[in-house]
N, C-alpha and C. Protein backbone atom coordinates (compact mmCIF):
# COMPACT_ATOMS: atom_id res chain seq x y z
N UNK A 1 26.45 12.63 -6.32
CA UNK A 1 26.14 11.40 -5.59
C UNK A 1 25.79 10.29 -6.58
N UNK A 2 26.53 9.22 -6.56
CA UNK A 2 26.27 8.11 -7.47
C UNK A 2 25.11 7.28 -6.95
N UNK A 3 24.40 6.69 -7.90
CA UNK A 3 23.32 5.79 -7.53
C UNK A 3 23.92 4.59 -6.80
N UNK A 4 23.19 4.08 -5.82
CA UNK A 4 23.60 2.92 -5.02
C UNK A 4 24.87 3.20 -4.22
N UNK A 5 25.09 4.45 -3.87
CA UNK A 5 26.31 4.76 -3.14
C UNK A 5 25.98 5.57 -1.89
N UNK A 6 26.20 4.98 -0.73
CA UNK A 6 26.02 5.72 0.50
C UNK A 6 27.00 5.19 1.55
N UNK A 7 27.10 5.92 2.63
CA UNK A 7 27.96 5.50 3.75
C UNK A 7 27.08 5.11 4.92
N UNK A 8 27.33 3.95 5.48
CA UNK A 8 26.65 3.53 6.69
C UNK A 8 27.48 3.98 7.88
N UNK A 9 26.91 4.85 8.69
CA UNK A 9 27.61 5.36 9.87
C UNK A 9 27.38 4.42 11.04
N UNK A 10 27.92 3.22 10.91
CA UNK A 10 27.74 2.18 11.94
C UNK A 10 28.71 1.04 11.67
N UNK A 11 29.19 0.43 12.73
CA UNK A 11 30.03 -0.76 12.56
C UNK A 11 29.28 -2.00 13.02
N UNK A 12 27.97 -1.85 13.23
CA UNK A 12 27.14 -2.97 13.69
C UNK A 12 27.10 -4.08 12.64
N UNK A 13 27.58 -5.27 12.98
CA UNK A 13 27.54 -6.39 12.03
C UNK A 13 26.11 -6.70 11.58
N UNK A 14 25.14 -6.48 12.47
CA UNK A 14 23.74 -6.77 12.14
C UNK A 14 23.22 -5.81 11.07
N UNK A 15 23.52 -4.52 11.24
CA UNK A 15 23.06 -3.53 10.26
C UNK A 15 23.75 -3.75 8.91
N UNK A 16 25.05 -4.03 8.95
CA UNK A 16 25.80 -4.27 7.71
C UNK A 16 25.22 -5.48 6.98
N UNK A 17 24.96 -6.55 7.71
CA UNK A 17 24.42 -7.78 7.13
C UNK A 17 23.06 -7.54 6.50
N UNK A 18 22.18 -6.84 7.22
CA UNK A 18 20.83 -6.60 6.70
C UNK A 18 20.85 -5.80 5.40
N UNK A 19 21.68 -4.77 5.34
CA UNK A 19 21.74 -3.93 4.13
C UNK A 19 22.38 -4.69 2.96
N UNK A 20 23.41 -5.48 3.25
CA UNK A 20 24.04 -6.29 2.20
C UNK A 20 23.05 -7.33 1.67
N UNK A 21 22.29 -7.91 2.58
CA UNK A 21 21.29 -8.92 2.20
C UNK A 21 20.23 -8.32 1.27
N UNK A 22 19.95 -7.04 1.46
CA UNK A 22 18.99 -6.35 0.59
C UNK A 22 19.60 -5.96 -0.76
N UNK A 23 20.93 -6.11 -0.88
CA UNK A 23 21.59 -5.85 -2.16
C UNK A 23 22.15 -4.45 -2.33
N UNK A 24 22.29 -3.71 -1.22
CA UNK A 24 22.83 -2.35 -1.32
C UNK A 24 24.35 -2.36 -1.40
N UNK A 25 24.88 -1.36 -2.11
CA UNK A 25 26.32 -1.14 -2.19
C UNK A 25 26.64 0.09 -1.35
N UNK A 26 27.49 -0.07 -0.36
CA UNK A 26 27.78 1.03 0.55
C UNK A 26 29.13 0.82 1.22
N UNK A 27 29.66 1.89 1.75
CA UNK A 27 30.89 1.79 2.56
C UNK A 27 30.51 1.98 4.03
N UNK A 28 31.40 1.60 4.91
CA UNK A 28 31.13 1.65 6.35
C UNK A 28 32.15 2.56 7.03
N UNK A 29 31.65 3.50 7.82
CA UNK A 29 32.52 4.36 8.62
C UNK A 29 31.96 4.35 10.04
N UNK A 30 32.79 3.95 10.97
CA UNK A 30 32.34 3.91 12.37
C UNK A 30 32.38 5.33 12.95
N UNK A 31 31.24 5.82 13.44
CA UNK A 31 31.24 7.17 14.04
C UNK A 31 31.92 7.15 15.41
N UNK A 32 32.88 8.02 15.59
CA UNK A 32 33.60 8.10 16.87
C UNK A 32 32.86 9.10 17.77
N UNK A 33 31.66 8.69 18.20
CA UNK A 33 30.84 9.58 19.02
C UNK A 33 30.43 8.90 20.31
N UNK A 34 30.05 9.72 21.26
CA UNK A 34 29.56 9.23 22.55
C UNK A 34 28.07 8.92 22.40
N UNK A 35 27.67 7.71 22.77
CA UNK A 35 26.26 7.34 22.64
C UNK A 35 25.45 7.72 23.86
N UNK A 36 26.11 8.24 24.89
CA UNK A 36 25.39 8.68 26.08
C UNK A 36 24.55 9.90 25.73
N UNK A 37 23.32 9.91 26.23
CA UNK A 37 22.42 11.04 25.94
C UNK A 37 21.52 11.26 27.15
N UNK A 38 21.41 12.50 27.57
CA UNK A 38 20.63 12.82 28.78
C UNK A 38 19.15 13.06 28.51
N UNK A 39 18.75 13.01 27.25
CA UNK A 39 17.33 13.22 26.92
C UNK A 39 16.52 12.03 27.43
N UNK A 40 15.51 12.31 28.24
CA UNK A 40 14.74 11.24 28.87
C UNK A 40 13.70 10.62 27.95
N UNK A 41 13.14 11.43 27.04
CA UNK A 41 12.17 10.88 26.11
C UNK A 41 12.89 9.91 25.17
N UNK A 42 12.48 8.61 25.16
CA UNK A 42 13.24 7.61 24.40
C UNK A 42 13.32 7.85 22.91
N UNK A 43 12.23 8.32 22.31
CA UNK A 43 12.24 8.59 20.86
C UNK A 43 13.20 9.73 20.54
N UNK A 44 13.11 10.82 21.30
CA UNK A 44 14.00 11.97 21.10
C UNK A 44 15.45 11.59 21.38
N UNK A 45 15.66 10.70 22.35
CA UNK A 45 17.00 10.22 22.70
C UNK A 45 17.62 9.47 21.51
N UNK A 46 16.87 8.52 20.98
CA UNK A 46 17.37 7.72 19.85
C UNK A 46 17.63 8.60 18.62
N UNK A 47 16.73 9.55 18.37
CA UNK A 47 16.91 10.46 17.24
C UNK A 47 18.15 11.34 17.41
N UNK A 48 18.38 11.82 18.64
CA UNK A 48 19.53 12.68 18.92
C UNK A 48 20.84 11.94 18.70
N UNK A 49 20.91 10.70 19.17
CA UNK A 49 22.14 9.92 19.04
C UNK A 49 22.37 9.52 17.58
N UNK A 50 21.30 9.15 16.88
CA UNK A 50 21.41 8.81 15.47
C UNK A 50 21.92 10.01 14.66
N UNK A 51 21.40 11.19 14.97
CA UNK A 51 21.83 12.40 14.27
C UNK A 51 23.29 12.71 14.57
N UNK A 52 23.69 12.50 15.81
CA UNK A 52 25.09 12.74 16.21
C UNK A 52 26.04 11.85 15.39
N UNK A 53 25.65 10.60 15.22
CA UNK A 53 26.45 9.65 14.43
C UNK A 53 26.52 10.09 12.96
N UNK A 54 25.35 10.45 12.43
CA UNK A 54 25.28 10.86 11.02
C UNK A 54 26.12 12.11 10.77
N UNK A 55 26.01 13.07 11.66
CA UNK A 55 26.73 14.33 11.51
C UNK A 55 28.23 14.11 11.53
N UNK A 56 28.69 13.27 12.46
CA UNK A 56 30.13 12.99 12.59
C UNK A 56 30.69 12.47 11.26
N UNK A 57 30.00 11.51 10.67
CA UNK A 57 30.49 10.89 9.43
C UNK A 57 30.29 11.82 8.24
N UNK A 58 29.16 12.52 8.18
CA UNK A 58 28.86 13.40 7.04
C UNK A 58 29.85 14.55 6.93
N UNK A 59 30.23 15.13 8.06
CA UNK A 59 31.17 16.26 8.04
C UNK A 59 32.53 15.86 7.50
N UNK A 60 32.88 14.60 7.66
CA UNK A 60 34.17 14.10 7.16
C UNK A 60 34.07 13.56 5.73
N UNK A 61 32.84 13.46 5.23
CA UNK A 61 32.61 12.92 3.88
C UNK A 61 31.61 13.79 3.12
N UNK A 62 32.00 15.00 2.74
CA UNK A 62 31.08 15.91 2.05
C UNK A 62 30.52 15.31 0.76
N UNK A 63 29.29 15.71 0.44
CA UNK A 63 28.61 15.30 -0.79
C UNK A 63 28.29 13.81 -0.87
N UNK A 64 28.33 13.13 0.26
CA UNK A 64 27.99 11.70 0.30
C UNK A 64 26.76 11.50 1.18
N UNK A 65 25.84 10.69 0.72
CA UNK A 65 24.68 10.36 1.53
C UNK A 65 25.15 9.47 2.69
N UNK A 66 24.74 9.83 3.89
CA UNK A 66 25.11 9.06 5.09
C UNK A 66 23.84 8.52 5.75
N UNK A 67 23.89 7.24 6.10
CA UNK A 67 22.79 6.59 6.81
C UNK A 67 23.29 6.21 8.20
N UNK A 68 22.54 6.62 9.22
CA UNK A 68 22.92 6.28 10.59
C UNK A 68 21.71 5.68 11.31
N UNK A 69 21.96 5.05 12.44
CA UNK A 69 20.86 4.49 13.23
C UNK A 69 21.29 4.35 14.69
N UNK A 70 20.30 4.37 15.56
CA UNK A 70 20.55 4.10 16.97
C UNK A 70 19.36 3.34 17.53
N UNK A 71 19.65 2.26 18.25
CA UNK A 71 18.60 1.41 18.81
C UNK A 71 18.67 1.45 20.34
N UNK A 72 17.51 1.65 20.95
CA UNK A 72 17.45 1.61 22.41
C UNK A 72 16.31 0.71 22.86
N UNK A 73 16.47 0.17 24.05
CA UNK A 73 15.46 -0.68 24.67
C UNK A 73 14.88 0.08 25.85
N UNK A 74 13.56 0.09 25.94
CA UNK A 74 12.89 0.84 27.01
C UNK A 74 11.95 -0.08 27.78
N UNK A 75 12.19 -0.19 29.08
CA UNK A 75 11.32 -0.97 29.97
C UNK A 75 10.62 0.03 30.88
N UNK A 76 9.30 0.09 30.76
CA UNK A 76 8.52 1.14 31.43
C UNK A 76 9.06 2.48 30.94
N UNK A 77 9.72 3.25 31.79
CA UNK A 77 10.29 4.52 31.33
C UNK A 77 11.82 4.52 31.45
N UNK A 78 12.38 3.33 31.71
CA UNK A 78 13.83 3.20 31.88
C UNK A 78 14.49 2.79 30.57
N UNK A 79 15.50 3.55 30.17
CA UNK A 79 16.26 3.22 28.96
C UNK A 79 17.36 2.22 29.31
N UNK A 80 17.38 1.11 28.59
CA UNK A 80 18.38 0.07 28.83
C UNK A 80 19.42 0.11 27.72
N UNK A 81 20.63 0.41 28.10
CA UNK A 81 21.73 0.43 27.13
C UNK A 81 22.40 -0.93 27.08
N UNK A 82 23.67 -0.93 26.75
CA UNK A 82 24.44 -2.17 26.73
C UNK A 82 24.91 -2.49 28.15
N UNK A 83 24.93 -3.76 28.54
CA UNK A 83 25.35 -4.10 29.90
C UNK A 83 26.81 -3.77 30.16
N UNK A 84 27.08 -3.33 31.37
CA UNK A 84 28.44 -2.97 31.77
C UNK A 84 29.29 -4.20 32.08
N UNK A 85 28.62 -5.24 32.57
CA UNK A 85 29.31 -6.50 32.94
C UNK A 85 28.27 -7.62 33.02
N UNK A 86 28.71 -8.81 33.42
CA UNK A 86 27.81 -9.97 33.47
C UNK A 86 26.68 -9.79 34.48
N UNK A 87 27.00 -9.20 35.64
CA UNK A 87 25.97 -8.97 36.67
C UNK A 87 24.91 -7.99 36.17
N UNK A 88 25.37 -6.97 35.48
CA UNK A 88 24.46 -5.98 34.92
C UNK A 88 23.56 -6.61 33.85
N UNK A 89 24.14 -7.49 33.04
CA UNK A 89 23.36 -8.20 32.01
C UNK A 89 22.28 -9.06 32.65
N UNK A 90 22.63 -9.76 33.71
CA UNK A 90 21.66 -10.61 34.41
C UNK A 90 20.53 -9.77 35.00
N UNK A 91 20.89 -8.65 35.58
CA UNK A 91 19.87 -7.76 36.17
C UNK A 91 18.90 -7.28 35.08
N UNK A 92 19.43 -6.91 33.93
CA UNK A 92 18.59 -6.46 32.81
C UNK A 92 17.63 -7.57 32.38
N UNK A 93 18.16 -8.75 32.16
CA UNK A 93 17.36 -9.86 31.68
C UNK A 93 16.28 -10.25 32.69
N UNK A 94 16.63 -10.21 33.97
CA UNK A 94 15.64 -10.51 35.02
C UNK A 94 14.53 -9.46 35.04
N UNK A 95 14.90 -8.22 34.76
CA UNK A 95 13.89 -7.14 34.72
C UNK A 95 12.96 -7.29 33.51
N UNK A 96 13.50 -7.83 32.41
CA UNK A 96 12.69 -8.03 31.21
C UNK A 96 11.80 -9.28 31.30
N UNK A 97 12.16 -10.19 32.21
CA UNK A 97 11.49 -11.48 32.31
C UNK A 97 9.98 -11.35 32.48
N UNK A 98 9.25 -12.09 31.62
CA UNK A 98 7.79 -12.18 31.70
C UNK A 98 7.08 -10.83 31.57
N UNK A 99 7.72 -9.90 30.86
CA UNK A 99 7.14 -8.56 30.66
C UNK A 99 7.29 -8.17 29.19
N UNK A 100 6.65 -7.05 28.85
CA UNK A 100 6.84 -6.48 27.52
C UNK A 100 7.70 -5.23 27.64
N UNK A 101 8.42 -4.92 26.58
CA UNK A 101 9.22 -3.70 26.54
C UNK A 101 9.22 -3.16 25.12
N UNK A 102 9.70 -1.95 24.95
CA UNK A 102 9.75 -1.33 23.63
C UNK A 102 11.18 -1.30 23.11
N UNK A 103 11.31 -1.47 21.81
CA UNK A 103 12.60 -1.29 21.14
C UNK A 103 12.40 -0.18 20.12
N UNK A 104 13.20 0.85 20.24
CA UNK A 104 13.09 2.00 19.35
C UNK A 104 14.38 2.14 18.54
N UNK A 105 14.24 2.17 17.23
CA UNK A 105 15.38 2.46 16.37
C UNK A 105 15.09 3.74 15.60
N UNK A 106 15.99 4.70 15.74
CA UNK A 106 15.90 5.94 14.97
C UNK A 106 16.95 5.87 13.87
N UNK A 107 16.60 6.39 12.70
CA UNK A 107 17.59 6.45 11.62
C UNK A 107 17.55 7.80 10.94
N UNK A 108 18.67 8.15 10.33
CA UNK A 108 18.81 9.40 9.59
C UNK A 108 19.42 9.15 8.22
N UNK A 109 18.98 9.92 7.25
CA UNK A 109 19.66 10.05 5.96
C UNK A 109 20.07 11.52 5.87
N UNK A 110 21.35 11.77 5.80
CA UNK A 110 21.83 13.15 5.75
C UNK A 110 22.91 13.31 4.67
N UNK A 111 23.14 14.54 4.28
CA UNK A 111 24.24 14.86 3.37
C UNK A 111 24.82 16.22 3.76
N UNK A 112 26.14 16.30 3.76
CA UNK A 112 26.82 17.58 4.06
C UNK A 112 27.26 18.18 2.73
N UNK A 113 26.57 19.25 2.33
CA UNK A 113 26.81 19.85 1.02
C UNK A 113 26.78 21.37 1.16
N UNK A 114 27.71 22.02 0.48
CA UNK A 114 27.80 23.50 0.52
C UNK A 114 27.89 24.02 1.96
N UNK A 115 28.67 23.30 2.76
CA UNK A 115 28.91 23.66 4.17
C UNK A 115 27.64 23.68 5.02
N UNK A 116 26.66 22.87 4.59
CA UNK A 116 25.42 22.76 5.36
C UNK A 116 25.04 21.29 5.49
N UNK A 117 24.58 20.91 6.67
CA UNK A 117 24.11 19.55 6.88
C UNK A 117 22.62 19.50 6.56
N UNK A 118 22.28 18.72 5.54
CA UNK A 118 20.88 18.60 5.16
C UNK A 118 20.34 17.25 5.62
N UNK A 119 19.28 17.29 6.41
CA UNK A 119 18.63 16.05 6.85
C UNK A 119 17.56 15.70 5.82
N UNK A 120 17.80 14.60 5.11
CA UNK A 120 16.86 14.15 4.07
C UNK A 120 15.69 13.40 4.71
N UNK A 121 16.01 12.60 5.72
CA UNK A 121 14.97 11.84 6.42
C UNK A 121 15.43 11.55 7.84
N UNK A 122 14.50 11.70 8.78
CA UNK A 122 14.74 11.33 10.18
C UNK A 122 13.48 10.63 10.67
N UNK A 123 13.64 9.43 11.18
CA UNK A 123 12.46 8.67 11.61
C UNK A 123 12.81 7.74 12.76
N UNK A 124 11.86 7.56 13.66
CA UNK A 124 12.02 6.59 14.75
C UNK A 124 10.89 5.58 14.66
N UNK A 125 11.22 4.31 14.76
CA UNK A 125 10.23 3.23 14.68
C UNK A 125 10.24 2.46 16.00
N UNK A 126 9.04 2.16 16.49
CA UNK A 126 8.91 1.46 17.77
C UNK A 126 8.27 0.09 17.58
N UNK A 127 8.86 -0.91 18.21
CA UNK A 127 8.30 -2.26 18.24
C UNK A 127 8.11 -2.67 19.70
N UNK A 128 7.12 -3.51 19.94
CA UNK A 128 6.87 -4.00 21.30
C UNK A 128 7.29 -5.47 21.37
N UNK A 129 8.13 -5.80 22.32
CA UNK A 129 8.68 -7.15 22.44
C UNK A 129 8.23 -7.77 23.77
N UNK A 130 7.79 -9.02 23.70
CA UNK A 130 7.32 -9.73 24.89
C UNK A 130 8.30 -10.85 25.25
N UNK A 131 8.75 -10.86 26.49
CA UNK A 131 9.60 -11.94 27.00
C UNK A 131 8.73 -12.98 27.70
N UNK A 132 9.14 -14.25 27.60
CA UNK A 132 8.47 -15.30 28.34
C UNK A 132 9.02 -15.36 29.76
N UNK A 133 8.60 -16.36 30.48
CA UNK A 133 9.01 -16.53 31.88
C UNK A 133 10.15 -17.55 31.96
N UNK A 134 11.33 -17.11 32.40
CA UNK A 134 12.50 -17.98 32.44
C UNK A 134 13.17 -17.94 33.80
N UNK A 135 13.93 -18.97 34.09
CA UNK A 135 14.67 -19.06 35.35
C UNK A 135 15.98 -18.28 35.22
N UNK A 136 16.50 -17.83 36.36
CA UNK A 136 17.79 -17.13 36.38
C UNK A 136 18.89 -17.98 35.74
N UNK A 137 18.83 -19.29 35.98
CA UNK A 137 19.85 -20.21 35.46
C UNK A 137 19.90 -20.16 33.93
N UNK A 138 18.75 -19.99 33.30
CA UNK A 138 18.70 -19.92 31.84
C UNK A 138 19.34 -18.63 31.34
N UNK A 139 19.14 -17.55 32.08
CA UNK A 139 19.76 -16.28 31.71
C UNK A 139 21.26 -16.33 31.94
N UNK A 140 21.67 -16.97 33.04
CA UNK A 140 23.11 -17.08 33.33
C UNK A 140 23.82 -17.90 32.25
N UNK A 141 23.15 -18.96 31.80
CA UNK A 141 23.71 -19.79 30.73
C UNK A 141 23.85 -18.97 29.45
N UNK A 142 22.86 -18.13 29.19
CA UNK A 142 22.89 -17.26 28.01
C UNK A 142 24.03 -16.25 28.11
N UNK A 143 24.22 -15.68 29.26
CA UNK A 143 25.29 -14.69 29.46
C UNK A 143 26.66 -15.32 29.23
N UNK A 144 26.79 -16.59 29.56
CA UNK A 144 28.08 -17.30 29.34
C UNK A 144 28.44 -17.39 27.86
N UNK A 145 27.46 -17.25 26.97
CA UNK A 145 27.75 -17.27 25.53
C UNK A 145 28.40 -15.96 25.08
N UNK A 146 28.33 -14.92 25.94
CA UNK A 146 28.86 -13.57 25.69
C UNK A 146 28.04 -12.77 24.67
N UNK A 147 27.01 -13.38 24.10
CA UNK A 147 26.19 -12.67 23.12
C UNK A 147 25.55 -11.38 23.67
N UNK A 148 25.08 -11.38 24.93
CA UNK A 148 24.39 -10.18 25.42
C UNK A 148 25.27 -8.96 25.68
N UNK A 149 26.59 -9.16 25.71
CA UNK A 149 27.47 -8.12 26.25
C UNK A 149 27.58 -6.83 25.43
N UNK A 150 27.25 -6.86 24.14
CA UNK A 150 27.31 -5.61 23.37
C UNK A 150 25.95 -5.28 22.75
N UNK A 151 24.88 -5.76 23.43
CA UNK A 151 23.52 -5.56 22.92
C UNK A 151 22.71 -4.71 23.89
N UNK A 152 21.99 -3.74 23.35
CA UNK A 152 21.07 -2.95 24.18
C UNK A 152 20.02 -3.89 24.75
N UNK A 153 19.80 -3.80 26.06
CA UNK A 153 18.84 -4.69 26.71
C UNK A 153 19.40 -6.05 27.04
N UNK A 154 20.64 -6.30 26.66
CA UNK A 154 21.37 -7.55 26.97
C UNK A 154 20.82 -8.79 26.27
N UNK A 155 20.24 -8.61 25.07
CA UNK A 155 19.85 -9.79 24.30
C UNK A 155 19.85 -9.48 22.81
N UNK A 156 19.98 -10.54 22.01
CA UNK A 156 19.94 -10.40 20.55
C UNK A 156 18.80 -11.25 20.03
N UNK A 157 17.78 -10.60 19.48
CA UNK A 157 16.61 -11.34 18.99
C UNK A 157 16.96 -12.19 17.78
N UNK A 158 18.03 -11.80 17.05
CA UNK A 158 18.42 -12.55 15.85
C UNK A 158 19.41 -13.66 16.18
N UNK A 159 19.72 -13.83 17.46
CA UNK A 159 20.70 -14.83 17.88
C UNK A 159 20.12 -15.81 18.87
N UNK A 160 20.95 -16.23 19.82
CA UNK A 160 20.54 -17.20 20.84
C UNK A 160 19.41 -16.62 21.69
N UNK A 161 19.43 -15.30 21.86
CA UNK A 161 18.42 -14.64 22.69
C UNK A 161 17.01 -14.72 22.14
N UNK A 162 16.85 -15.19 20.91
CA UNK A 162 15.52 -15.31 20.30
C UNK A 162 14.60 -16.20 21.14
N UNK A 163 15.18 -17.17 21.85
CA UNK A 163 14.36 -18.12 22.61
C UNK A 163 13.59 -17.47 23.75
N UNK A 164 14.01 -16.27 24.17
CA UNK A 164 13.32 -15.60 25.27
C UNK A 164 12.10 -14.80 24.81
N UNK A 165 12.03 -14.55 23.50
CA UNK A 165 10.98 -13.68 22.96
C UNK A 165 9.76 -14.49 22.54
N UNK A 166 8.63 -14.21 23.19
CA UNK A 166 7.40 -14.94 22.86
C UNK A 166 6.62 -14.28 21.73
N UNK A 167 6.80 -12.95 21.58
CA UNK A 167 6.01 -12.24 20.57
C UNK A 167 6.62 -10.87 20.28
N UNK A 168 6.44 -10.42 19.03
CA UNK A 168 6.86 -9.07 18.65
C UNK A 168 5.69 -8.39 17.95
N UNK A 169 5.33 -7.21 18.41
CA UNK A 169 4.32 -6.39 17.74
C UNK A 169 5.05 -5.27 17.02
N UNK A 170 4.90 -5.23 15.70
CA UNK A 170 5.62 -4.23 14.92
C UNK A 170 6.76 -4.86 14.14
N UNK A 171 7.69 -4.04 13.73
CA UNK A 171 8.80 -4.48 12.88
C UNK A 171 9.81 -5.35 13.63
N UNK A 172 10.04 -6.56 13.09
CA UNK A 172 11.06 -7.45 13.65
C UNK A 172 12.46 -6.90 13.39
N UNK A 173 12.69 -6.43 12.13
CA UNK A 173 14.03 -5.95 11.80
C UNK A 173 14.40 -4.71 12.62
N UNK A 174 13.39 -3.99 13.06
CA UNK A 174 13.61 -2.84 13.93
C UNK A 174 14.27 -3.28 15.24
N UNK A 175 13.84 -4.43 15.75
CA UNK A 175 14.39 -4.97 17.00
C UNK A 175 15.84 -5.42 16.77
N UNK A 176 16.12 -5.91 15.57
CA UNK A 176 17.49 -6.32 15.23
C UNK A 176 18.42 -5.10 15.13
N UNK A 177 17.85 -3.96 14.69
CA UNK A 177 18.68 -2.76 14.62
C UNK A 177 18.44 -1.83 13.45
N UNK A 178 17.55 -2.23 12.51
CA UNK A 178 17.20 -1.36 11.38
C UNK A 178 15.77 -1.65 10.94
N UNK A 179 14.89 -0.67 10.97
CA UNK A 179 13.54 -0.88 10.46
C UNK A 179 13.58 -0.87 8.92
N UNK A 180 13.79 -2.04 8.34
CA UNK A 180 14.05 -2.13 6.90
C UNK A 180 12.94 -1.57 6.03
N UNK A 181 11.69 -1.81 6.38
CA UNK A 181 10.58 -1.33 5.55
C UNK A 181 10.67 0.19 5.39
N UNK A 182 10.79 0.89 6.51
CA UNK A 182 10.84 2.35 6.48
C UNK A 182 12.13 2.87 5.85
N UNK A 183 13.26 2.20 6.16
CA UNK A 183 14.54 2.66 5.63
C UNK A 183 14.62 2.48 4.12
N UNK A 184 14.18 1.34 3.62
CA UNK A 184 14.21 1.08 2.17
C UNK A 184 13.36 2.10 1.42
N UNK A 185 12.18 2.41 1.96
CA UNK A 185 11.32 3.42 1.34
C UNK A 185 12.03 4.78 1.30
N UNK A 186 12.72 5.11 2.39
CA UNK A 186 13.43 6.39 2.47
C UNK A 186 14.60 6.44 1.49
N UNK A 187 15.31 5.32 1.34
CA UNK A 187 16.42 5.26 0.39
C UNK A 187 15.92 5.38 -1.05
N UNK A 188 14.78 4.75 -1.32
CA UNK A 188 14.18 4.85 -2.66
C UNK A 188 13.88 6.30 -3.01
N UNK A 189 13.29 7.03 -2.04
CA UNK A 189 12.95 8.45 -2.26
C UNK A 189 14.20 9.29 -2.47
N UNK A 190 15.32 8.84 -1.89
CA UNK A 190 16.59 9.56 -2.05
C UNK A 190 17.34 9.14 -3.32
N UNK A 191 16.73 8.24 -4.11
CA UNK A 191 17.33 7.80 -5.36
C UNK A 191 18.32 6.66 -5.22
N UNK A 192 18.26 5.97 -4.07
CA UNK A 192 19.17 4.85 -3.83
C UNK A 192 18.39 3.54 -3.93
N UNK A 193 18.87 2.65 -4.79
CA UNK A 193 18.23 1.34 -4.93
C UNK A 193 19.28 0.24 -4.88
N UNK A 194 18.85 -0.99 -4.54
CA UNK A 194 19.81 -2.10 -4.50
C UNK A 194 20.40 -2.35 -5.88
N UNK A 195 21.55 -2.99 -5.92
CA UNK A 195 22.20 -3.27 -7.21
C UNK A 195 21.41 -4.33 -7.98
């Protein structure tokens, strides 16, 4: 394994941007896996899906460090995935209105070596996000931008959707899709540093 060399098991533009901004050198492989998971516990759910992504890519790329992640939004005990359509996005946003919710990102560092999958690090980070009070018309206008359509919870805190967020407790980058503080520490321990 070369220094500064790993595979990101994600095609998320946000995750790619954050890691490049930190100065890491890596390749990208999109995991062809199903993100649906029947585990009700949100932390275990995110960890299971992240591991599934990591395993898919690692098995096809032996002896390479693989980094994966999965982000979910939880309102009360309900897991909010990506909206199915515009009506679904509006329903999600209305449910989040004037309330707090959790954003959980789980990540894995794994390597497939000697026909065994070794998990170097597995961690889930939780942040609490507070939405302000907005009118339906404001959410409908936001949905017309199409930004919410591929985002868990139907909003992007790093984009236009930032205007709905009044406060974040915990890691901001976690809400974007990667808890950078924890991930960077884990990469350092694995011998990976930015260029």
